[in-house]
Amino acid sequence: RCVATRGARYHVVASAGGYAPSSQWVEGGAPGACRDLAIVLAAQRAQLARSSTGPAPTAEAALPHNTNDSRHKIDDQDPYDRDRLLSLRAPLALAAVLASALPSAAKAAEPDATEEGRTRFRRGVELFHEGDYRNVLIEFNRAYAIAPQFKILYNIGQTCFELQDYACALRSLRDYRAAADSSVSASRRAETDAQIAQLQARVAYVTVETNVPGAEISVDDLLVGKAPLTAPLLVSAGRRRFSAASEGKPQINHVVDVAGGESTKVRFDFPAEKTPAAAGPTAPPRARPPSPSRPPSSAPFWISIGISSTLAAGAATFGLLALRSDRDADRALDVFPTNTGAIESAQAKSTRFALVADILGAAAIVGVASSIYFGVRLASSGGPKPTELRAGASGLGLSGAF
């Protein structure tokens, strides 16, 4: 009896001892779904009947996707298919077992994330059989991140094993073993446990210490966390490059050879920043005592006195010469016969001497005024008094500061 629930997917598998299994996916609820199932079963029956007449093919020959040189095998079963509907196991006979999904789940549309995860998983399987393990790891990791299924961890572990990334393989297989449910066979559990025991001898535990909290710690240029780390790092045995970086400080690198099964320590010591010494209490600036005001110099007074005296003496001298020349001119006029040349010469001298006397007299007046100014200023500032000429009963006296 065929019961094909709408929205469900059925995986029809036929197998016989010593022969390669045959399988096909059938969409339930589609027109002619039961008819398609019957056709599939009939085709499988005919294939097994033909195979019984010849030598039994080996599993490796029947599965061309397993002909690569990988040392580890992955699980090709779609981890997102939780409804295995048909499993046939009988020598040269078939039995059909149909399992339908729950009605509520069958009616619900499959989430886009699950479909993308399935696409990534299938792509990873194809790449694994081609030996492109690095891209396989990317696809499996992406599928697990989009729609997590614990069975993907098994494939991630096997891929890391192929890449000799033993730390990644151990982490993935441990997580797979911890999440394994009753759908995982006993043989698969035993196989996984054996691989975990094998990997434990190929990894090391490294404790990372640093004197700068928050420093970024990297292993082989891959960021693994920030200091302080809560647990030792699980790394693959071999030569590993540890790095520590902190903002404003130069990056520190340590290349360490770690052996499998050992525990070691790596420490990063960043140079301490030079901090300026704390300044002690500063004493208030000492007030400078006001410098004593210097009295004005008496030199200008004496210079003006000297110049005025000189100018006055010059004015008096040329005034006397002008008077003498004027008298000579008068005497020349009284002489008969008159000497015109002598008269004119005397008059010219008198004029010149009078002019010079006037100029020197005016300059002397200016000098006297300057002497008076400097004398008054000097007297008002409390400085040395100018020289004074005093007349007393006993005679003349000269007083002053020089």
Protein backbone atom coordinates (compact mmCIF):
# COMPACT_ATOMS: atom_id res chain seq x y z
CA ARG A 1 0.00 0.00 0.00
CA CYS A 2 1.37 3.42 -0.99
CA VAL A 3 0.67 6.47 1.18
CA ALA A 4 2.45 9.58 -0.11
CA THR A 5 1.87 12.59 2.13
CA ARG A 6 1.78 15.94 0.40
CA GLY A 7 4.83 18.12 1.18
CA ALA A 8 7.00 15.19 2.36
CA ARG A 9 10.11 13.87 0.62
CA TYR A 10 10.77 10.10 0.47
CA HIS A 11 14.15 8.44 0.14
CA VAL A 12 13.79 5.04 -1.49
CA VAL A 13 16.77 2.75 -0.86
CA ALA A 14 17.26 -0.79 -2.16
CA SER A 15 20.17 -3.00 -1.14
CA ALA A 16 21.26 -6.60 -1.26
CA GLY A 17 24.18 -8.38 0.29
CA GLY A 18 27.38 -7.69 -1.65
CA TYR A 19 25.71 -5.29 -4.08
CA ALA A 20 25.79 -1.51 -4.24
CA PRO A 21 22.67 0.11 -2.79
CA SER A 22 20.35 1.97 -5.13
CA SER A 23 18.38 5.01 -4.02
CA GLN A 24 16.17 7.80 -5.32
CA TRP A 25 14.30 10.79 -3.86
CA VAL A 26 10.56 11.10 -4.52
CA GLU A 27 8.41 14.14 -3.71
CA GLY A 28 5.24 13.11 -1.88
CA GLY A 29 1.89 14.63 -2.76
CA ALA A 30 2.87 15.25 -6.38
CA PRO A 31 0.64 13.78 -9.14
CA GLY A 32 1.49 10.12 -9.62
CA ALA A 33 3.71 9.98 -6.53
CA CYS A 34 2.62 6.41 -5.72
CA ARG A 35 3.10 5.39 -9.32
CA ASP A 36 6.61 6.86 -9.27
CA LEU A 37 7.38 4.86 -6.16
CA ALA A 38 6.20 1.68 -7.85
CA ILE A 39 8.34 2.42 -10.91
CA VAL A 40 11.36 3.00 -8.72
CA LEU A 41 10.84 -0.25 -6.86
CA ALA A 42 10.39 -2.17 -10.11
CA ALA A 43 13.56 -0.67 -11.56
CA GLN A 44 15.52 -1.55 -8.47
CA ARG A 45 14.17 -5.08 -8.51
CA ALA A 46 15.21 -5.50 -12.15
CA GLN A 47 18.66 -4.08 -11.48
CA LEU A 48 19.25 -6.47 -8.59
CA ALA A 49 17.99 -9.40 -10.64
CA ARG A 50 20.46 -8.60 -13.44
CA SER A 51 23.26 -8.19 -10.94
CA SER A 52 22.62 -11.64 -9.48
CA THR A 53 23.78 -13.32 -12.71
CA GLY A 54 27.26 -11.78 -12.59
CA PRO A 55 29.96 -11.26 -10.00
CA ALA A 56 28.95 -9.03 -7.15
CA PRO A 57 30.36 -5.55 -7.64
CA THR A 58 32.23 -4.02 -4.72
CA ALA A 59 30.95 -0.95 -2.92
CA GLU A 60 33.94 1.11 -4.08
CA ALA A 61 33.24 0.27 -7.72
CA ALA A 62 29.55 1.01 -7.37
CA LEU A 63 30.13 4.43 -5.81
CA PRO A 64 32.32 6.47 -8.17
CA HIS A 65 32.25 9.45 -5.80
CA ASN A 66 34.29 7.46 -3.29
CA THR A 67 37.16 6.74 -5.69
CA ASN A 68 39.31 9.68 -4.49
CA ASP A 69 42.38 9.16 -2.36
CA SER A 70 40.95 10.62 0.86
CA ARG A 71 41.88 8.71 3.98
CA HIS A 72 38.62 9.63 5.68
CA LYS A 73 35.05 9.23 4.51
CA ILE A 74 32.20 11.63 5.08
CA ASP A 75 28.51 11.04 5.55
CA ASP A 76 26.71 11.70 2.26
CA GLN A 77 23.30 11.46 3.91
CA ASP A 78 21.40 14.74 3.86
CA PRO A 79 21.51 15.91 7.50
CA TYR A 80 18.35 17.95 6.98
CA ASP A 81 16.30 14.86 6.03
CA ARG A 82 14.87 13.47 9.23
CA ASP A 83 12.19 11.39 7.46
CA ARG A 84 13.83 8.28 6.06
CA LEU A 85 10.93 6.69 4.38
CA LEU A 86 12.19 3.50 2.85
CA SER A 87 15.04 1.06 3.60
CA LEU A 88 15.20 -2.22 1.72
CA ARG A 89 17.39 -5.07 2.96
CA ALA A 90 16.69 -8.62 1.72
CA PRO A 91 18.70 -10.98 -0.48
CA LEU A 92 17.27 -10.60 -3.97
CA ALA A 93 13.98 -9.30 -2.48
CA LEU A 94 12.58 -5.87 -1.69
CA ALA A 95 10.48 -4.51 1.10
CA ALA A 96 9.04 -1.03 1.18
CA VAL A 97 8.63 1.04 4.29
CA LEU A 98 6.97 4.39 4.00
CA ALA A 99 7.11 6.98 6.74
CA SER A 100 5.22 10.21 6.54
CA ALA A 101 6.01 13.45 8.27
CA LEU A 102 3.68 14.89 10.87
CA PRO A 103 0.69 16.62 9.30
CA SER A 104 1.60 19.97 10.80
CA ALA A 105 5.19 19.71 9.61
CA ALA A 106 4.14 18.41 6.19
CA LYS A 107 1.98 21.44 5.58
CA ALA A 108 4.62 23.91 6.63
CA ALA A 109 6.92 25.18 3.93
CA GLU A 110 10.58 24.38 4.38
CA PRO A 111 12.50 27.46 5.64
CA ASP A 112 14.82 29.15 3.23
CA ALA A 113 17.69 28.73 5.67
CA THR A 114 17.29 24.95 5.64
CA GLU A 115 17.21 24.87 1.86
CA GLU A 116 20.36 26.97 1.64
CA GLY A 117 22.02 24.77 4.24
CA ARG A 118 21.14 21.69 2.21
CA THR A 119 22.58 23.29 -0.94
CA ARG A 120 25.81 24.13 0.86
CA PHE A 121 26.04 20.63 2.29
CA ARG A 122 25.57 18.93 -1.11
CA ARG A 123 28.17 21.23 -2.65
CA GLY A 124 30.59 20.32 0.12
CA VAL A 125 30.00 16.63 -0.51
CA GLU A 126 30.75 17.05 -4.20
CA LEU A 127 33.93 18.99 -3.48
CA PHE A 128 35.06 16.38 -0.95
CA HIS A 129 34.86 13.65 -3.53
CA GLU A 130 36.90 15.87 -5.83
CA GLY A 131 39.56 16.38 -3.15
CA ASP A 132 39.09 20.15 -2.80
CA TYR A 133 39.19 20.01 0.99
CA ARG A 134 39.70 23.69 1.75
CA ASN A 135 36.57 24.69 -0.13
CA VAL A 136 34.79 21.69 1.40
CA LEU A 137 35.50 23.09 4.86
CA ILE A 138 34.11 26.47 3.84
CA GLU A 139 30.87 24.96 2.52
CA PHE A 140 30.31 22.68 5.55
CA ASN A 141 31.02 25.52 7.98
CA ARG A 142 28.66 27.78 6.08
CA ALA A 143 25.91 25.13 6.07
CA TYR A 144 26.31 24.61 9.82
CA ALA A 145 26.21 28.34 10.50
CA ILE A 146 23.07 28.83 8.39
CA ALA A 147 21.08 25.82 9.62
CA PRO A 148 22.92 23.85 12.33
CA GLN A 149 22.65 20.05 12.23
CA PHE A 150 24.99 18.03 14.42
CA LYS A 151 25.70 15.51 11.64
CA ILE A 152 27.51 18.22 9.69
CA LEU A 153 30.08 18.34 12.51
CA TYR A 154 31.15 14.81 11.59
CA ASN A 155 31.94 15.90 8.03
CA ILE A 156 33.73 19.03 9.29
CA GLY A 157 35.88 16.83 11.52
CA GLN A 158 36.77 14.47 8.67
CA THR A 159 37.63 17.39 6.38
CA CYS A 160 39.88 18.97 9.01
CA PHE A 161 41.52 15.57 9.47
CA GLU A 162 42.33 15.52 5.75
CA LEU A 163 43.78 19.04 6.04
CA GLN A 164 45.89 17.91 9.04
CA ASP A 165 44.21 20.56 11.15
CA TYR A 166 44.02 18.23 14.11
CA ALA A 167 42.73 20.82 16.57
CA CYS A 168 39.76 21.62 14.31
CA ALA A 169 39.09 17.91 13.75
CA LEU A 170 39.17 17.15 17.49
CA ARG A 171 36.83 20.03 18.36
CA SER A 172 34.32 19.07 15.66
CA LEU A 173 34.28 15.35 16.47
CA ARG A 174 33.95 16.04 20.19
CA ASP A 175 30.96 18.28 19.54
CA TYR A 176 29.50 15.68 17.18
CA ARG A 177 29.94 12.90 19.73
CA ALA A 178 28.34 14.99 22.47
CA ALA A 179 25.31 15.82 20.31
CA ALA A 180 24.89 12.34 18.76
CA ASP A 181 21.40 10.95 19.25
CA SER A 182 19.91 7.52 18.73
CA SER A 183 20.09 7.92 14.95
CA VAL A 184 23.87 7.49 15.10
CA SER A 185 24.84 3.85 14.83
CA ALA A 186 27.02 2.09 17.38
CA SER A 187 29.71 1.52 14.78
CA ARG A 188 29.81 5.23 13.96
CA ARG A 189 30.11 6.06 17.66
CA ALA A 190 32.97 3.62 18.10
CA GLU A 191 34.70 4.97 14.97
CA THR A 192 34.38 8.55 16.24
CA ASP A 193 35.72 7.63 19.67
CA ALA A 194 38.74 5.98 18.07
CA GLN A 195 39.44 9.06 15.97
CA ILE A 196 39.13 11.33 19.02
CA ALA A 197 41.67 9.19 20.87
CA GLN A 198 43.98 9.36 17.85
CA LEU A 199 43.65 13.14 17.58
CA GLN A 200 44.39 13.75 21.25
CA ALA A 201 47.96 12.68 20.60
CA ARG A 202 48.28 15.21 17.77
CA VAL A 203 47.23 18.36 19.58
CA ALA A 204 48.69 20.50 22.36
CA TYR A 205 47.31 22.90 24.94
CA VAL A 206 48.93 26.34 25.13
CA THR A 207 48.31 28.82 27.94
CA VAL A 208 48.71 32.40 26.74
CA GLU A 209 49.57 35.17 29.19
CA THR A 210 50.11 38.88 28.64
CA ASN A 211 50.59 41.98 30.77
CA VAL A 212 48.05 44.00 28.75
CA PRO A 213 44.36 43.10 29.23
CA GLY A 214 42.35 43.25 26.02
CA ALA A 215 45.29 42.38 23.75
CA GLU A 216 44.19 40.41 20.66
CA ILE A 217 45.67 36.90 20.54
CA SER A 218 46.16 35.15 17.19
CA VAL A 219 47.44 31.71 16.21
CA ASP A 220 48.84 31.38 12.71
CA ASP A 221 47.36 34.83 11.92
CA LEU A 222 43.84 33.75 12.98
CA LEU A 223 42.27 35.70 15.84
CA VAL A 224 41.32 33.36 18.69
CA GLY A 225 40.33 35.85 21.41
CA LYS A 226 41.34 38.70 23.67
CA ALA A 227 43.43 38.54 26.81
CA PRO A 228 42.91 37.27 29.38
CA LEU A 229 41.87 33.95 27.81
CA THR A 230 39.63 31.83 30.02
CA ALA A 231 41.19 28.48 28.98
CA PRO A 232 44.31 27.13 27.29
CA LEU A 233 44.28 27.16 23.49
CA LEU A 234 43.86 23.88 21.64
CA VAL A 235 46.34 23.88 18.74
CA SER A 236 47.64 21.30 16.30
CA ALA A 237 51.07 19.91 17.01
CA GLY A 238 53.87 21.44 14.98
CA ARG A 239 55.35 24.89 14.50
CA ARG A 240 52.80 27.52 15.49
CA ARG A 241 52.99 31.31 15.28
CA PHE A 242 51.45 33.14 18.25
CA SER A 243 50.82 36.88 18.04
CA ALA A 244 49.60 39.54 20.44
CA ALA A 245 48.51 43.01 19.36
CA SER A 246 47.26 45.99 21.33
CA GLU A 247 46.29 49.45 20.16
CA GLY A 248 49.18 51.87 20.28
CA LYS A 249 51.78 49.12 20.87
CA PRO A 250 53.96 47.12 18.47
CA GLN A 251 52.77 43.58 17.71
CA ILE A 252 54.71 40.78 19.42
CA ASN A 253 55.22 37.42 17.67
CA HIS A 254 56.44 34.10 19.10
CA VAL A 255 57.12 31.04 16.93
CA VAL A 256 56.86 27.91 19.06
CA ASP A 257 57.32 24.22 18.23
CA VAL A 258 54.64 22.32 20.15
CA ALA A 259 54.61 18.55 20.45
CA GLY A 260 51.48 16.43 20.47
CA GLY A 261 49.96 15.77 23.86
CA GLU A 262 51.96 18.44 25.72
CA SER A 263 50.89 21.55 27.60
CA THR A 264 53.03 24.67 27.32
CA LYS A 265 52.90 28.39 28.02
CA VAL A 266 53.49 31.46 25.87
CA ARG A 267 53.83 34.91 27.44
CA PHE A 268 53.71 38.34 25.84
CA ASP A 269 55.21 41.27 27.73
CA PHE A 270 54.51 44.64 26.15
CA PRO A 271 56.94 47.44 27.09
CA ALA A 272 55.56 49.69 29.79
CA GLU A 273 54.56 53.18 28.76
CA LYS A 274 56.73 55.95 30.13
CA THR A 275 54.59 58.11 32.38
CA PRO A 276 55.80 61.56 33.39
CA ALA A 277 56.84 61.83 37.03
CA ALA A 278 54.20 63.32 39.26
CA ALA A 279 55.04 66.92 39.91
CA GLY A 280 55.16 67.94 43.60
CA PRO A 281 53.46 71.01 44.99
CA THR A 282 54.88 74.06 43.37
CA ALA A 283 55.87 76.99 45.51
CA PRO A 284 54.23 80.26 44.61
CA PRO A 285 56.49 82.53 42.64
CA ARG A 286 58.50 84.81 44.82
CA ALA A 287 57.64 88.42 44.39
CA ARG A 288 60.63 90.42 43.32
CA PRO A 289 61.19 93.41 45.53
CA PRO A 290 60.73 96.61 43.65
CA SER A 291 64.02 97.96 42.50
CA PRO A 292 64.86 101.30 44.04
CA SER A 293 64.14 104.10 41.67
CA ARG A 294 67.27 105.74 40.49
CA PRO A 295 67.26 109.52 40.61
CA PRO A 296 67.65 111.21 37.28
CA SER A 297 71.22 111.89 36.26
CA SER A 298 72.61 115.40 36.75
CA ALA A 299 74.63 115.12 33.55
CA PRO A 300 72.02 116.83 31.33
CA PHE A 301 71.91 119.75 33.75
CA TRP A 302 75.67 120.25 33.72
CA ILE A 303 75.91 119.77 29.96
CA SER A 304 73.24 122.41 29.39
CA ILE A 305 75.04 124.73 31.83
CA GLY A 306 78.31 124.25 29.99
CA ILE A 307 76.80 124.79 26.58
CA SER A 308 74.84 127.84 27.72
CA SER A 309 77.93 129.36 29.27
CA THR A 310 79.97 128.76 26.14
CA LEU A 311 77.29 130.25 23.92
CA ALA A 312 76.90 133.25 26.23
CA ALA A 313 80.66 133.83 26.20
CA GLY A 314 80.72 133.56 22.41
CA ALA A 315 77.80 135.98 22.09
CA ALA A 316 79.57 138.48 24.37
CA THR A 317 82.85 138.15 22.47
CA PHE A 318 81.26 138.71 19.06
CA GLY A 319 79.18 141.55 20.50
CA LEU A 320 82.35 143.30 21.66
CA LEU A 321 83.94 142.74 18.25
CA ALA A 322 80.85 144.25 16.57
CA LEU A 323 81.09 147.34 18.81
CA ARG A 324 84.80 147.69 18.05
CA SER A 325 84.20 147.47 14.31
CA ASP A 326 81.44 150.03 14.57
CA ARG A 327 83.82 152.46 16.37
CA ASP A 328 86.46 151.90 13.71
CA ALA A 329 83.88 152.84 11.08
CA ASP A 330 83.01 156.03 13.03
CA ARG A 331 86.67 157.03 13.33
CA ALA A 332 87.18 156.43 9.60
CA LEU A 333 84.34 158.85 8.89
CA ASP A 334 86.06 161.58 10.98
CA VAL A 335 89.28 161.38 8.95
CA PHE A 336 89.61 163.72 6.01
CA PRO A 337 90.11 162.99 3.26
CA THR A 338 87.67 160.01 3.75
CA ASN A 339 88.88 156.44 3.09
CA THR A 340 85.83 154.78 1.63
CA GLY A 341 87.34 151.30 1.61
CA ALA A 342 88.24 151.43 5.30
CA ILE A 343 84.79 152.68 6.21
CA GLU A 344 83.01 149.93 4.26
CA SER A 345 85.33 147.25 5.67
CA ALA A 346 84.68 148.35 9.23
CA GLN A 347 80.93 148.47 8.68
CA ALA A 348 80.92 144.99 7.10
CA LYS A 349 82.84 143.55 10.05
CA SER A 350 80.50 145.22 12.50
CA THR A 351 77.50 143.70 10.70
CA ARG A 352 78.97 140.22 10.63
CA PHE A 353 80.03 140.24 14.26
CA ALA A 354 76.66 141.55 15.35
CA LEU A 355 74.87 138.75 13.45
CA VAL A 356 77.05 136.06 15.04
CA ALA A 357 76.57 137.63 18.47
CA ASP A 358 72.78 137.58 17.98
CA ILE A 359 72.82 133.88 16.97
CA LEU A 360 75.03 132.85 19.83
CA GLY A 361 72.97 134.92 22.25
CA ALA A 362 69.75 133.22 21.14
CA ALA A 363 71.37 129.77 21.51
CA ALA A 364 72.61 130.73 24.96
CA ILE A 365 69.08 131.71 25.95
CA VAL A 366 67.86 128.24 24.85
CA GLY A 367 70.67 126.60 26.82
CA VAL A 368 69.78 128.61 29.92
CA ALA A 369 66.14 127.46 29.57
CA SER A 370 67.31 123.82 29.29
CA SER A 371 69.48 124.23 32.34
CA ILE A 372 66.53 125.56 34.28
CA TYR A 373 64.34 122.58 33.18
CA PHE A 374 66.95 119.96 34.12
CA GLY A 375 67.68 121.75 37.37
CA VAL A 376 64.02 121.81 38.42
CA ARG A 377 63.58 118.12 37.51
CA LEU A 378 66.68 117.16 39.43
CA ALA A 379 65.58 119.12 42.48
CA SER A 380 62.02 117.64 42.47
CA SER A 381 63.29 114.02 42.30
CA GLY A 382 65.32 114.32 45.47
CA GLY A 383 68.53 113.84 43.59
CA PRO A 384 71.70 115.77 44.04
CA LYS A 385 71.10 119.44 44.12
CA PRO A 386 72.68 121.59 41.49
CA THR A 387 75.65 123.68 42.40
CA GLU A 388 74.75 126.93 44.04
CA LEU A 389 76.80 130.02 44.49
CA ARG A 390 76.01 131.65 47.82
CA ALA A 391 77.18 134.95 49.24
CA GLY A 392 77.55 135.31 52.94
CA ALA A 393 79.04 137.71 55.51
CA SER A 394 82.29 135.85 55.43
CA GLY A 395 82.49 135.57 51.67
CA LEU A 396 81.26 133.48 48.65
CA GLY A 397 80.41 129.73 48.82
CA LEU A 398 79.88 127.05 46.08
CA SER A 399 77.71 124.09 46.97
CA GLY A 400 76.31 121.20 44.98
CA ALA A 401 76.90 117.57 43.88
CA PHE A 402 79.23 116.55 41.12
